N, C-alpha and C. Protein backbone atom coordinates (compact mmCIF):
# COMPACT_ATOMS: atom_id res chain seq x y z
N MET A 1 53.24 43.49 -65.19
CA MET A 1 54.17 42.84 -64.26
C MET A 1 53.39 42.40 -63.02
N THR A 2 53.51 41.13 -62.68
CA THR A 2 52.76 40.60 -61.54
C THR A 2 53.66 40.57 -60.32
N THR A 3 53.03 40.75 -59.21
CA THR A 3 53.77 40.73 -57.94
C THR A 3 53.43 39.46 -57.19
N ALA A 4 54.40 38.66 -56.77
CA ALA A 4 54.14 37.41 -56.03
C ALA A 4 53.56 37.72 -54.66
N ALA A 5 52.55 36.90 -54.33
CA ALA A 5 51.89 37.11 -53.02
C ALA A 5 52.84 36.71 -51.91
N LEU A 6 52.89 37.54 -50.93
CA LEU A 6 53.73 37.24 -49.78
C LEU A 6 53.01 36.28 -48.83
N PRO A 7 53.73 35.28 -48.29
CA PRO A 7 53.08 34.35 -47.34
C PRO A 7 52.65 35.07 -46.08
N LEU A 8 51.51 34.59 -45.56
CA LEU A 8 50.97 35.19 -44.33
C LEU A 8 51.45 34.39 -43.13
N HIS A 9 51.82 35.05 -42.09
CA HIS A 9 52.26 34.40 -40.86
C HIS A 9 51.47 35.00 -39.69
N THR A 10 51.00 34.08 -38.83
CA THR A 10 50.30 34.55 -37.64
C THR A 10 51.32 34.79 -36.54
N VAL A 11 51.34 35.97 -36.06
CA VAL A 11 52.30 36.32 -35.03
C VAL A 11 51.62 36.24 -33.67
N LYS A 12 52.04 35.24 -32.86
CA LYS A 12 51.46 35.08 -31.53
C LYS A 12 52.14 36.03 -30.57
N PRO A 13 51.36 36.57 -29.67
CA PRO A 13 51.98 37.47 -28.69
C PRO A 13 52.92 36.68 -27.79
N ALA A 14 53.89 37.33 -27.28
CA ALA A 14 54.89 36.66 -26.46
C ALA A 14 54.30 36.05 -25.21
N SER A 15 53.15 36.60 -24.77
CA SER A 15 52.56 36.12 -23.52
C SER A 15 51.63 34.93 -23.71
N ALA A 16 51.40 34.47 -24.97
CA ALA A 16 50.45 33.39 -25.22
C ALA A 16 50.84 32.10 -24.51
N ARG A 17 52.13 31.73 -24.63
CA ARG A 17 52.59 30.50 -23.99
C ARG A 17 52.47 30.59 -22.48
N LEU A 18 52.78 31.76 -21.95
CA LEU A 18 52.68 31.95 -20.51
C LEU A 18 51.23 31.82 -20.04
N GLU A 19 50.29 32.39 -20.84
CA GLU A 19 48.88 32.31 -20.49
C GLU A 19 48.39 30.87 -20.50
N SER A 20 48.85 30.07 -21.46
CA SER A 20 48.45 28.66 -21.53
C SER A 20 48.92 27.90 -20.31
N ILE A 21 50.16 28.18 -19.92
CA ILE A 21 50.72 27.50 -18.75
C ILE A 21 49.94 27.88 -17.48
N VAL A 22 49.60 29.16 -17.37
CA VAL A 22 48.85 29.62 -16.20
C VAL A 22 47.46 28.97 -16.15
N ALA A 23 46.80 28.88 -17.33
CA ALA A 23 45.47 28.26 -17.38
C ALA A 23 45.53 26.78 -16.99
N LEU A 24 46.58 26.08 -17.47
CA LEU A 24 46.74 24.67 -17.14
C LEU A 24 46.96 24.48 -15.65
N LEU A 25 47.81 25.31 -15.08
CA LEU A 25 48.07 25.22 -13.64
C LEU A 25 46.81 25.50 -12.84
N ALA A 26 45.99 26.46 -13.30
CA ALA A 26 44.75 26.79 -12.60
C ALA A 26 43.81 25.59 -12.59
N CYS A 27 43.70 24.88 -13.74
CA CYS A 27 42.84 23.70 -13.82
C CYS A 27 43.32 22.61 -12.87
N VAL A 28 44.66 22.42 -12.83
CA VAL A 28 45.22 21.40 -11.95
C VAL A 28 44.93 21.73 -10.49
N LEU A 29 45.09 22.99 -10.12
CA LEU A 29 44.86 23.40 -8.74
C LEU A 29 43.39 23.25 -8.36
N ILE A 30 42.49 23.60 -9.28
CA ILE A 30 41.06 23.46 -9.00
C ILE A 30 40.70 21.99 -8.81
N GLY A 31 41.22 21.13 -9.71
CA GLY A 31 40.94 19.70 -9.58
C GLY A 31 41.47 19.13 -8.28
N ALA A 32 42.68 19.53 -7.90
CA ALA A 32 43.26 19.06 -6.65
C ALA A 32 42.45 19.54 -5.45
N GLY A 33 41.96 20.77 -5.54
CA GLY A 33 41.14 21.29 -4.44
C GLY A 33 39.84 20.53 -4.29
N CYS A 34 39.19 20.21 -5.41
CA CYS A 34 37.94 19.44 -5.37
C CYS A 34 38.18 18.05 -4.77
N PHE A 35 39.27 17.42 -5.17
CA PHE A 35 39.59 16.09 -4.66
C PHE A 35 39.84 16.13 -3.15
N ALA A 36 40.59 17.15 -2.71
CA ALA A 36 40.87 17.28 -1.28
C ALA A 36 39.60 17.53 -0.49
N TYR A 37 38.70 18.33 -1.05
CA TYR A 37 37.44 18.62 -0.37
C TYR A 37 36.59 17.36 -0.23
N ALA A 38 36.50 16.58 -1.34
CA ALA A 38 35.71 15.34 -1.30
C ALA A 38 36.31 14.35 -0.33
N ALA A 39 37.64 14.28 -0.30
CA ALA A 39 38.30 13.34 0.61
C ALA A 39 38.05 13.72 2.06
N SER A 40 38.06 15.02 2.36
CA SER A 40 37.82 15.47 3.73
C SER A 40 36.40 15.18 4.15
N LYS A 41 35.44 15.35 3.22
CA LYS A 41 34.05 15.05 3.54
C LYS A 41 33.87 13.57 3.79
N ALA A 42 34.51 12.74 2.99
CA ALA A 42 34.40 11.29 3.19
C ALA A 42 34.99 10.88 4.53
N LYS A 43 36.05 11.59 4.94
CA LYS A 43 36.66 11.28 6.23
C LYS A 43 35.77 11.74 7.37
N ASP A 44 35.09 12.89 7.20
CA ASP A 44 34.20 13.39 8.24
C ASP A 44 32.94 12.55 8.35
N HIS A 45 32.51 11.94 7.25
CA HIS A 45 31.29 11.14 7.24
C HIS A 45 31.58 9.75 6.69
N PRO A 46 32.28 8.92 7.44
CA PRO A 46 32.62 7.59 6.95
C PRO A 46 31.39 6.70 6.83
N GLU A 47 31.51 5.68 6.00
CA GLU A 47 30.41 4.72 5.83
C GLU A 47 30.15 4.00 7.15
N PRO A 48 28.93 4.13 7.71
CA PRO A 48 28.65 3.47 8.99
C PRO A 48 28.66 1.95 8.85
N LYS A 49 29.10 1.30 9.89
CA LYS A 49 29.13 -0.15 9.88
C LYS A 49 27.72 -0.70 10.05
N LEU A 50 27.48 -1.86 9.45
CA LEU A 50 26.18 -2.51 9.58
C LEU A 50 26.02 -3.06 10.99
N MET A 51 24.78 -3.09 11.44
CA MET A 51 24.48 -3.66 12.75
C MET A 51 24.58 -5.18 12.67
N GLN A 52 24.61 -5.82 13.82
CA GLN A 52 24.76 -7.27 13.87
C GLN A 52 23.60 -7.98 13.18
N TRP A 53 22.42 -7.37 13.20
CA TRP A 53 21.23 -7.99 12.62
C TRP A 53 21.03 -7.59 11.16
N GLN A 54 22.04 -6.99 10.56
CA GLN A 54 21.97 -6.60 9.16
C GLN A 54 23.04 -7.32 8.36
N ILE A 55 22.81 -7.44 7.07
CA ILE A 55 23.76 -8.11 6.18
C ILE A 55 23.86 -7.32 4.88
N SER A 56 25.06 -7.19 4.37
CA SER A 56 25.28 -6.42 3.16
C SER A 56 24.83 -7.21 1.93
N ALA A 57 24.11 -6.54 1.05
CA ALA A 57 23.66 -7.19 -0.18
C ALA A 57 24.82 -7.46 -1.11
N LEU A 58 25.91 -6.71 -0.97
CA LEU A 58 27.04 -6.87 -1.87
C LEU A 58 28.08 -7.84 -1.32
N GLY A 59 28.50 -7.62 -0.08
CA GLY A 59 29.56 -8.44 0.47
C GLY A 59 29.11 -9.62 1.30
N GLY A 60 27.82 -9.66 1.66
CA GLY A 60 27.36 -10.71 2.56
C GLY A 60 26.52 -11.79 1.92
N LEU A 61 26.21 -11.68 0.64
CA LEU A 61 25.34 -12.65 -0.03
C LEU A 61 26.09 -13.35 -1.16
N ASN A 62 25.72 -14.61 -1.40
CA ASN A 62 26.26 -15.31 -2.56
C ASN A 62 25.49 -14.88 -3.81
N PRO A 63 25.93 -15.25 -5.00
CA PRO A 63 25.27 -14.78 -6.23
C PRO A 63 23.78 -15.11 -6.31
N VAL A 64 23.38 -16.29 -5.84
CA VAL A 64 21.96 -16.65 -5.89
C VAL A 64 21.14 -15.75 -4.98
N ASP A 65 21.62 -15.55 -3.76
CA ASP A 65 20.91 -14.67 -2.83
C ASP A 65 20.88 -13.23 -3.33
N GLN A 66 21.95 -12.80 -3.96
CA GLN A 66 21.96 -11.45 -4.53
C GLN A 66 20.90 -11.31 -5.62
N ALA A 67 20.78 -12.33 -6.46
CA ALA A 67 19.79 -12.29 -7.54
C ALA A 67 18.37 -12.26 -6.98
N ILE A 68 18.11 -13.08 -5.95
CA ILE A 68 16.78 -13.11 -5.35
C ILE A 68 16.48 -11.79 -4.66
N HIS A 69 17.46 -11.23 -3.98
CA HIS A 69 17.28 -9.94 -3.32
C HIS A 69 16.93 -8.86 -4.35
N SER A 70 17.66 -8.81 -5.45
CA SER A 70 17.39 -7.81 -6.49
C SER A 70 16.00 -8.00 -7.08
N SER A 71 15.61 -9.25 -7.30
CA SER A 71 14.29 -9.54 -7.85
C SER A 71 13.19 -9.13 -6.88
N LEU A 72 13.41 -9.33 -5.60
CA LEU A 72 12.40 -8.95 -4.61
C LEU A 72 12.23 -7.43 -4.55
N LEU A 73 13.32 -6.69 -4.67
CA LEU A 73 13.20 -5.24 -4.68
C LEU A 73 12.41 -4.75 -5.89
N ALA A 74 12.68 -5.35 -7.05
CA ALA A 74 11.94 -4.97 -8.26
C ALA A 74 10.47 -5.37 -8.14
N ALA A 75 10.22 -6.57 -7.58
CA ALA A 75 8.84 -7.02 -7.40
C ALA A 75 8.10 -6.13 -6.42
N ALA A 76 8.80 -5.65 -5.39
CA ALA A 76 8.16 -4.79 -4.39
C ALA A 76 7.61 -3.52 -5.04
N ASP A 77 8.35 -2.95 -5.97
CA ASP A 77 7.86 -1.75 -6.67
C ASP A 77 6.59 -2.05 -7.45
N GLU A 78 6.56 -3.20 -8.12
CA GLU A 78 5.38 -3.57 -8.90
C GLU A 78 4.19 -3.86 -8.00
N ILE A 79 4.45 -4.54 -6.87
CA ILE A 79 3.36 -4.85 -5.93
C ILE A 79 2.78 -3.56 -5.36
N ALA A 80 3.65 -2.62 -5.01
CA ALA A 80 3.19 -1.35 -4.46
C ALA A 80 2.38 -0.55 -5.47
N GLN A 81 2.81 -0.56 -6.73
CA GLN A 81 2.06 0.15 -7.77
C GLN A 81 0.68 -0.46 -7.97
N THR A 82 0.62 -1.78 -7.96
CA THR A 82 -0.68 -2.45 -8.12
C THR A 82 -1.61 -2.09 -6.97
N TYR A 83 -1.06 -2.07 -5.76
CA TYR A 83 -1.88 -1.72 -4.60
C TYR A 83 -2.38 -0.28 -4.70
N LEU A 84 -1.54 0.60 -5.22
CA LEU A 84 -1.90 2.01 -5.34
C LEU A 84 -3.14 2.19 -6.22
N PHE A 85 -3.23 1.37 -7.30
CA PHE A 85 -4.34 1.53 -8.25
C PHE A 85 -5.52 0.62 -7.95
N THR A 86 -5.30 -0.48 -7.23
CA THR A 86 -6.39 -1.44 -6.99
C THR A 86 -6.80 -1.55 -5.54
N ASP A 87 -5.99 -1.00 -4.63
CA ASP A 87 -6.24 -1.09 -3.20
C ASP A 87 -6.28 -2.55 -2.72
N SER A 88 -5.53 -3.42 -3.38
CA SER A 88 -5.45 -4.82 -2.96
C SER A 88 -4.03 -5.32 -3.21
N TRP A 89 -3.60 -6.24 -2.35
CA TRP A 89 -2.25 -6.79 -2.46
C TRP A 89 -2.27 -8.03 -3.33
N GLU A 90 -1.30 -8.11 -4.22
CA GLU A 90 -1.23 -9.26 -5.12
C GLU A 90 -0.87 -10.53 -4.37
N ASP A 91 -1.53 -11.62 -4.74
CA ASP A 91 -1.20 -12.93 -4.19
C ASP A 91 -0.03 -13.51 -4.98
N VAL A 92 0.54 -14.58 -4.47
CA VAL A 92 1.66 -15.21 -5.16
C VAL A 92 1.23 -15.70 -6.54
N SER A 93 0.00 -16.22 -6.64
CA SER A 93 -0.49 -16.69 -7.94
C SER A 93 -0.59 -15.55 -8.95
N ASP A 94 -0.94 -14.35 -8.48
CA ASP A 94 -0.99 -13.18 -9.37
C ASP A 94 0.41 -12.85 -9.90
N LEU A 95 1.38 -12.92 -9.01
CA LEU A 95 2.76 -12.62 -9.41
C LEU A 95 3.30 -13.68 -10.37
N GLU A 96 2.91 -14.93 -10.17
CA GLU A 96 3.33 -15.98 -11.09
C GLU A 96 2.72 -15.76 -12.47
N GLU A 97 1.45 -15.41 -12.50
CA GLU A 97 0.78 -15.15 -13.79
C GLU A 97 1.37 -13.92 -14.48
N GLY A 98 1.84 -12.97 -13.69
CA GLY A 98 2.45 -11.78 -14.26
C GLY A 98 3.92 -11.97 -14.63
N LEU A 99 4.43 -13.19 -14.47
CA LEU A 99 5.81 -13.54 -14.81
C LEU A 99 6.82 -12.71 -14.01
N VAL A 100 6.48 -12.44 -12.76
CA VAL A 100 7.32 -11.60 -11.90
C VAL A 100 8.30 -12.47 -11.12
N PRO A 101 9.60 -12.33 -11.38
CA PRO A 101 10.58 -13.05 -10.57
C PRO A 101 10.71 -12.40 -9.18
N PRO A 102 11.07 -13.17 -8.15
CA PRO A 102 11.45 -14.58 -8.16
C PRO A 102 10.28 -15.53 -7.96
N PHE A 103 9.05 -15.04 -8.16
CA PHE A 103 7.86 -15.87 -7.93
C PHE A 103 7.53 -16.76 -9.13
N TYR A 104 7.84 -16.28 -10.32
CA TYR A 104 7.52 -17.01 -11.55
C TYR A 104 8.38 -18.26 -11.65
N LYS A 105 7.73 -19.39 -11.90
CA LYS A 105 8.42 -20.68 -11.91
C LYS A 105 8.92 -21.00 -13.32
N ASP A 106 10.15 -20.57 -13.57
CA ASP A 106 10.80 -20.85 -14.84
C ASP A 106 12.16 -21.49 -14.58
N GLY A 107 13.00 -21.53 -15.59
CA GLY A 107 14.31 -22.13 -15.42
C GLY A 107 15.15 -21.42 -14.37
N LEU A 108 15.06 -20.10 -14.32
CA LEU A 108 15.81 -19.33 -13.34
C LEU A 108 15.33 -19.66 -11.93
N TRP A 109 14.03 -19.82 -11.77
CA TRP A 109 13.46 -20.18 -10.46
C TRP A 109 14.02 -21.52 -9.99
N GLU A 110 14.17 -22.47 -10.91
CA GLU A 110 14.73 -23.77 -10.56
C GLU A 110 16.20 -23.63 -10.16
N GLN A 111 16.96 -22.81 -10.88
CA GLN A 111 18.37 -22.62 -10.55
C GLN A 111 18.54 -21.94 -9.20
N GLN A 112 17.57 -21.13 -8.82
CA GLN A 112 17.65 -20.40 -7.55
C GLN A 112 17.10 -21.19 -6.36
N GLY A 113 16.85 -22.49 -6.55
CA GLY A 113 16.47 -23.34 -5.43
C GLY A 113 15.02 -23.72 -5.33
N ARG A 114 14.20 -23.34 -6.33
CA ARG A 114 12.78 -23.70 -6.31
C ARG A 114 12.10 -23.21 -5.02
N ILE A 115 12.30 -21.96 -4.71
CA ILE A 115 11.75 -21.37 -3.50
C ILE A 115 10.22 -21.42 -3.53
N GLN A 116 9.62 -21.81 -2.41
CA GLN A 116 8.16 -21.84 -2.27
C GLN A 116 7.71 -20.55 -1.57
N TRP A 117 6.89 -19.77 -2.26
CA TRP A 117 6.47 -18.47 -1.76
C TRP A 117 5.02 -18.49 -1.27
N LYS A 118 4.79 -17.79 -0.16
CA LYS A 118 3.44 -17.61 0.37
C LYS A 118 3.28 -16.18 0.86
N ARG A 119 2.05 -15.70 0.72
CA ARG A 119 1.75 -14.34 1.19
C ARG A 119 1.00 -14.40 2.51
N TYR A 120 1.35 -13.49 3.40
CA TYR A 120 0.70 -13.42 4.71
C TYR A 120 0.32 -11.98 5.02
N ALA A 121 -0.69 -11.84 5.88
CA ALA A 121 -1.11 -10.51 6.32
C ALA A 121 -0.85 -10.40 7.82
N PRO A 122 -0.21 -9.33 8.26
CA PRO A 122 0.06 -9.18 9.69
C PRO A 122 -1.23 -8.92 10.45
N PRO A 123 -1.26 -9.20 11.75
CA PRO A 123 -2.46 -8.92 12.55
C PRO A 123 -2.73 -7.42 12.61
N SER A 124 -3.94 -7.08 12.94
CA SER A 124 -4.33 -5.67 12.99
C SER A 124 -3.53 -4.91 14.04
N SER A 125 -2.98 -5.62 15.03
CA SER A 125 -2.20 -4.96 16.08
C SER A 125 -0.82 -4.53 15.60
N ASP A 126 -0.41 -5.05 14.44
CA ASP A 126 0.90 -4.70 13.89
C ASP A 126 0.75 -3.40 13.10
N SER A 127 1.37 -2.35 13.60
CA SER A 127 1.22 -1.03 12.98
C SER A 127 1.85 -0.97 11.60
N ALA A 128 2.69 -1.96 11.26
CA ALA A 128 3.33 -1.94 9.94
C ALA A 128 2.32 -2.09 8.82
N GLY A 129 1.24 -2.84 9.08
CA GLY A 129 0.22 -3.02 8.05
C GLY A 129 0.77 -3.74 6.84
N GLY A 130 0.10 -3.59 5.70
CA GLY A 130 0.57 -4.19 4.47
C GLY A 130 0.52 -5.70 4.49
N VAL A 131 1.42 -6.33 3.75
CA VAL A 131 1.52 -7.78 3.69
C VAL A 131 3.00 -8.16 3.68
N TYR A 132 3.25 -9.47 3.75
CA TYR A 132 4.63 -9.93 3.61
C TYR A 132 4.65 -11.27 2.91
N TYR A 133 5.71 -11.47 2.15
CA TYR A 133 5.89 -12.68 1.35
C TYR A 133 7.07 -13.46 1.90
N VAL A 134 6.84 -14.74 2.19
CA VAL A 134 7.87 -15.59 2.77
C VAL A 134 8.26 -16.67 1.76
N GLY A 135 9.56 -16.82 1.53
CA GLY A 135 10.07 -17.85 0.63
C GLY A 135 10.88 -18.88 1.40
N THR A 136 10.47 -20.13 1.32
CA THR A 136 11.10 -21.19 2.11
C THR A 136 11.42 -22.41 1.25
N HIS A 137 12.03 -23.42 1.91
CA HIS A 137 12.32 -24.72 1.30
C HIS A 137 13.25 -24.61 0.08
N GLY A 138 14.23 -23.71 0.16
CA GLY A 138 15.19 -23.62 -0.91
C GLY A 138 16.03 -24.89 -1.02
N GLY A 139 16.22 -25.36 -2.23
CA GLY A 139 16.91 -26.62 -2.44
C GLY A 139 18.40 -26.52 -2.63
N ASN A 140 18.93 -25.33 -2.76
CA ASN A 140 20.37 -25.18 -2.94
C ASN A 140 21.10 -25.38 -1.62
N LYS A 141 22.34 -25.83 -1.69
CA LYS A 141 23.13 -26.12 -0.50
C LYS A 141 23.33 -24.85 0.33
N GLY A 142 23.01 -24.93 1.61
CA GLY A 142 23.18 -23.81 2.52
C GLY A 142 22.20 -22.68 2.33
N GLN A 143 21.15 -22.90 1.56
CA GLN A 143 20.20 -21.82 1.28
C GLN A 143 19.27 -21.60 2.47
N GLY A 144 18.98 -20.33 2.75
CA GLY A 144 18.09 -19.98 3.84
C GLY A 144 16.71 -19.60 3.33
N ALA A 145 16.00 -18.80 4.13
CA ALA A 145 14.66 -18.35 3.79
C ALA A 145 14.69 -16.85 3.51
N TYR A 146 13.64 -16.39 2.83
CA TYR A 146 13.57 -14.99 2.39
C TYR A 146 12.25 -14.38 2.85
N LEU A 147 12.29 -13.08 3.10
CA LEU A 147 11.11 -12.37 3.58
C LEU A 147 11.07 -10.99 2.95
N LEU A 148 9.96 -10.69 2.28
CA LEU A 148 9.73 -9.35 1.72
C LEU A 148 8.58 -8.73 2.49
N VAL A 149 8.87 -7.66 3.20
CA VAL A 149 7.86 -6.97 4.00
C VAL A 149 7.40 -5.73 3.25
N MET A 150 6.10 -5.69 2.96
CA MET A 150 5.50 -4.52 2.31
C MET A 150 4.75 -3.74 3.39
N ALA A 151 5.45 -2.85 4.08
CA ALA A 151 4.87 -2.10 5.19
C ALA A 151 4.16 -0.86 4.65
N HIS A 152 2.88 -0.78 4.91
CA HIS A 152 2.06 0.34 4.45
C HIS A 152 1.73 1.19 5.67
N VAL A 153 2.55 2.19 5.93
CA VAL A 153 2.47 2.97 7.17
C VAL A 153 1.57 4.18 6.97
N HIS A 154 0.64 4.36 7.90
CA HIS A 154 -0.26 5.51 7.86
C HIS A 154 0.24 6.57 8.85
N ALA A 155 0.31 7.80 8.36
CA ALA A 155 0.70 8.93 9.20
C ALA A 155 -0.33 10.04 8.98
N GLY A 156 -1.39 10.03 9.79
CA GLY A 156 -2.48 10.97 9.57
C GLY A 156 -3.23 10.60 8.29
N ILE A 157 -3.36 11.55 7.38
CA ILE A 157 -4.05 11.28 6.12
C ILE A 157 -3.07 10.78 5.06
N ALA A 158 -1.79 10.81 5.37
CA ALA A 158 -0.76 10.38 4.41
C ALA A 158 -0.34 8.94 4.69
N THR A 159 0.18 8.29 3.67
CA THR A 159 0.70 6.93 3.81
C THR A 159 2.07 6.86 3.15
N SER A 160 2.87 5.95 3.63
CA SER A 160 4.18 5.75 3.03
C SER A 160 4.46 4.26 2.91
N GLN A 161 5.18 3.89 1.87
CA GLN A 161 5.51 2.50 1.60
C GLN A 161 6.95 2.25 1.99
N GLN A 162 7.16 1.32 2.92
CA GLN A 162 8.50 0.99 3.39
C GLN A 162 8.72 -0.50 3.19
N ASN A 163 9.41 -0.85 2.12
CA ASN A 163 9.63 -2.25 1.77
C ASN A 163 11.02 -2.69 2.20
N THR A 164 11.11 -3.83 2.87
CA THR A 164 12.39 -4.33 3.32
C THR A 164 12.51 -5.82 2.99
N VAL A 165 13.75 -6.26 2.82
CA VAL A 165 14.03 -7.67 2.53
C VAL A 165 14.86 -8.24 3.67
N TRP A 166 14.45 -9.42 4.13
CA TRP A 166 15.13 -10.08 5.24
C TRP A 166 15.50 -11.50 4.82
N MET A 167 16.50 -12.06 5.52
CA MET A 167 16.91 -13.44 5.28
C MET A 167 17.07 -14.17 6.61
N HIS A 168 16.84 -15.49 6.56
CA HIS A 168 16.99 -16.33 7.75
C HIS A 168 17.90 -17.49 7.38
N PRO A 169 18.82 -17.88 8.25
CA PRO A 169 19.74 -18.98 7.92
C PRO A 169 19.05 -20.32 7.76
N ASN A 170 17.90 -20.51 8.39
CA ASN A 170 17.12 -21.74 8.26
C ASN A 170 16.24 -21.64 7.02
N ASN A 171 16.19 -22.67 6.20
CA ASN A 171 15.40 -22.58 4.97
C ASN A 171 13.91 -22.82 5.21
N ASN A 172 13.53 -23.14 6.45
CA ASN A 172 12.11 -23.32 6.77
C ASN A 172 11.85 -22.86 8.21
N PRO A 173 12.06 -21.58 8.50
CA PRO A 173 11.84 -21.08 9.86
C PRO A 173 10.36 -20.88 10.13
N PRO A 174 9.98 -20.72 11.39
CA PRO A 174 8.58 -20.40 11.69
C PRO A 174 8.18 -19.09 11.01
N VAL A 175 6.97 -19.07 10.46
CA VAL A 175 6.49 -17.85 9.81
C VAL A 175 6.25 -16.78 10.87
N PRO A 176 6.81 -15.62 10.73
CA PRO A 176 6.63 -14.58 11.75
C PRO A 176 5.19 -14.09 11.81
N ASP A 177 4.72 -13.88 13.04
CA ASP A 177 3.38 -13.33 13.23
C ASP A 177 3.39 -11.81 13.15
N VAL A 178 4.49 -11.22 13.60
CA VAL A 178 4.65 -9.77 13.59
C VAL A 178 5.91 -9.45 12.80
N VAL A 179 5.83 -8.46 11.94
CA VAL A 179 6.96 -8.13 11.07
C VAL A 179 7.62 -6.81 11.42
N LYS A 180 7.44 -6.37 12.67
CA LYS A 180 8.21 -5.22 13.13
C LYS A 180 9.68 -5.64 13.21
N PRO A 181 10.61 -4.74 12.92
CA PRO A 181 12.03 -5.11 12.95
C PRO A 181 12.46 -5.78 14.25
N GLU A 182 11.98 -5.24 15.38
CA GLU A 182 12.39 -5.80 16.67
C GLU A 182 12.01 -7.26 16.78
N ALA A 183 10.79 -7.60 16.34
CA ALA A 183 10.32 -8.98 16.43
C ALA A 183 11.08 -9.89 15.47
N LEU A 184 11.36 -9.41 14.28
CA LEU A 184 12.08 -10.23 13.30
C LEU A 184 13.51 -10.51 13.77
N ILE A 185 14.14 -9.52 14.37
CA ILE A 185 15.51 -9.69 14.85
C ILE A 185 15.56 -10.78 15.92
N ILE A 186 14.61 -10.76 16.83
CA ILE A 186 14.57 -11.76 17.90
C ILE A 186 14.40 -13.17 17.32
N GLN A 187 13.66 -13.28 16.21
CA GLN A 187 13.41 -14.58 15.59
C GLN A 187 14.56 -15.04 14.69
N GLY A 188 15.61 -14.27 14.60
CA GLY A 188 16.78 -14.69 13.84
C GLY A 188 16.85 -14.18 12.42
N TRP A 189 15.92 -13.29 12.02
CA TRP A 189 15.96 -12.72 10.68
C TRP A 189 17.00 -11.60 10.63
N ARG A 190 17.63 -11.46 9.48
CA ARG A 190 18.60 -10.38 9.27
C ARG A 190 18.17 -9.56 8.05
N GLN A 191 18.18 -8.26 8.22
CA GLN A 191 17.77 -7.39 7.12
C GLN A 191 18.89 -7.22 6.12
N VAL A 192 18.56 -7.32 4.85
CA VAL A 192 19.53 -7.15 3.78
C VAL A 192 19.60 -5.67 3.43
N ILE A 193 20.80 -5.11 3.52
CA ILE A 193 21.01 -3.68 3.29
C ILE A 193 21.85 -3.51 2.04
N ALA A 194 21.36 -2.71 1.11
CA ALA A 194 22.08 -2.50 -0.14
C ALA A 194 23.00 -1.29 -0.09
N TYR A 195 22.90 -0.49 0.98
CA TYR A 195 23.76 0.70 1.07
C TYR A 195 24.44 0.71 2.43
N SER A 196 23.87 1.43 3.41
CA SER A 196 24.42 1.43 4.76
C SER A 196 23.28 1.20 5.74
N GLY A 197 23.60 0.84 6.94
CA GLY A 197 22.58 0.50 7.93
C GLY A 197 22.17 1.62 8.84
N ALA A 198 22.63 2.84 8.63
CA ALA A 198 22.38 3.92 9.57
C ALA A 198 20.89 4.23 9.71
N ASP A 199 20.20 4.39 8.58
CA ASP A 199 18.80 4.77 8.63
C ASP A 199 17.95 3.69 9.29
N GLU A 200 18.19 2.43 8.93
CA GLU A 200 17.40 1.36 9.49
C GLU A 200 17.69 1.20 10.98
N ALA A 201 18.90 1.43 11.39
CA ALA A 201 19.24 1.34 12.82
C ALA A 201 18.47 2.38 13.60
N GLN A 202 18.32 3.57 13.02
CA GLN A 202 17.58 4.63 13.71
C GLN A 202 16.12 4.27 13.85
N LYS A 203 15.56 3.56 12.85
CA LYS A 203 14.16 3.15 12.94
C LYS A 203 13.93 2.23 14.12
N VAL A 204 14.84 1.26 14.30
CA VAL A 204 14.67 0.29 15.38
C VAL A 204 14.88 0.95 16.73
N ARG A 205 15.85 1.88 16.79
CA ARG A 205 16.11 2.57 18.05
C ARG A 205 15.04 3.60 18.38
N GLY A 206 14.26 3.98 17.37
CA GLY A 206 13.22 4.97 17.60
C GLY A 206 13.72 6.38 17.64
N SER A 207 14.94 6.62 17.12
CA SER A 207 15.52 7.97 17.10
C SER A 207 15.42 8.58 15.73
């Protein structure tokens, strides 16, 4: 005589549902607390406003200027790396041969106004050192001039690379002799800032 197998049932404790609800509420409260904490920090440390001589890379530039700005930042990293290994600054012709935008003359270069680039070296009296690249004669409507400053600052035996991008409303302004921020500001150049202007403002103020 065979005996039929009895079905198995899992008996959950009466407190299981209550525990699930408590765990869910705990997660909600933790998430709300984190959000409130982040919001309070953002309120305590609001995004500083840009100075009059600065311009936002996101809200202050048209698409062409944004593309050139991004290309200059990428090119600055490559120029700095080359200098680190060769102890020499690349000329515009070197950058063209290396197919480095925005210096390389291709279809994109033509769409961006056929900017004419030249490299300059600051005088020995300029503590910024390094070199700077000036882009002028842009052919697009309302296009200005561009400036990439490769500042090679010496601090004792250590050196630091401080690269900045500037723009001028005139597409063919006088080439700056000194590339210290104070001098560029007086000449009508505006620094392009991709984040906030607080750090750069402190540099100019000397604080």
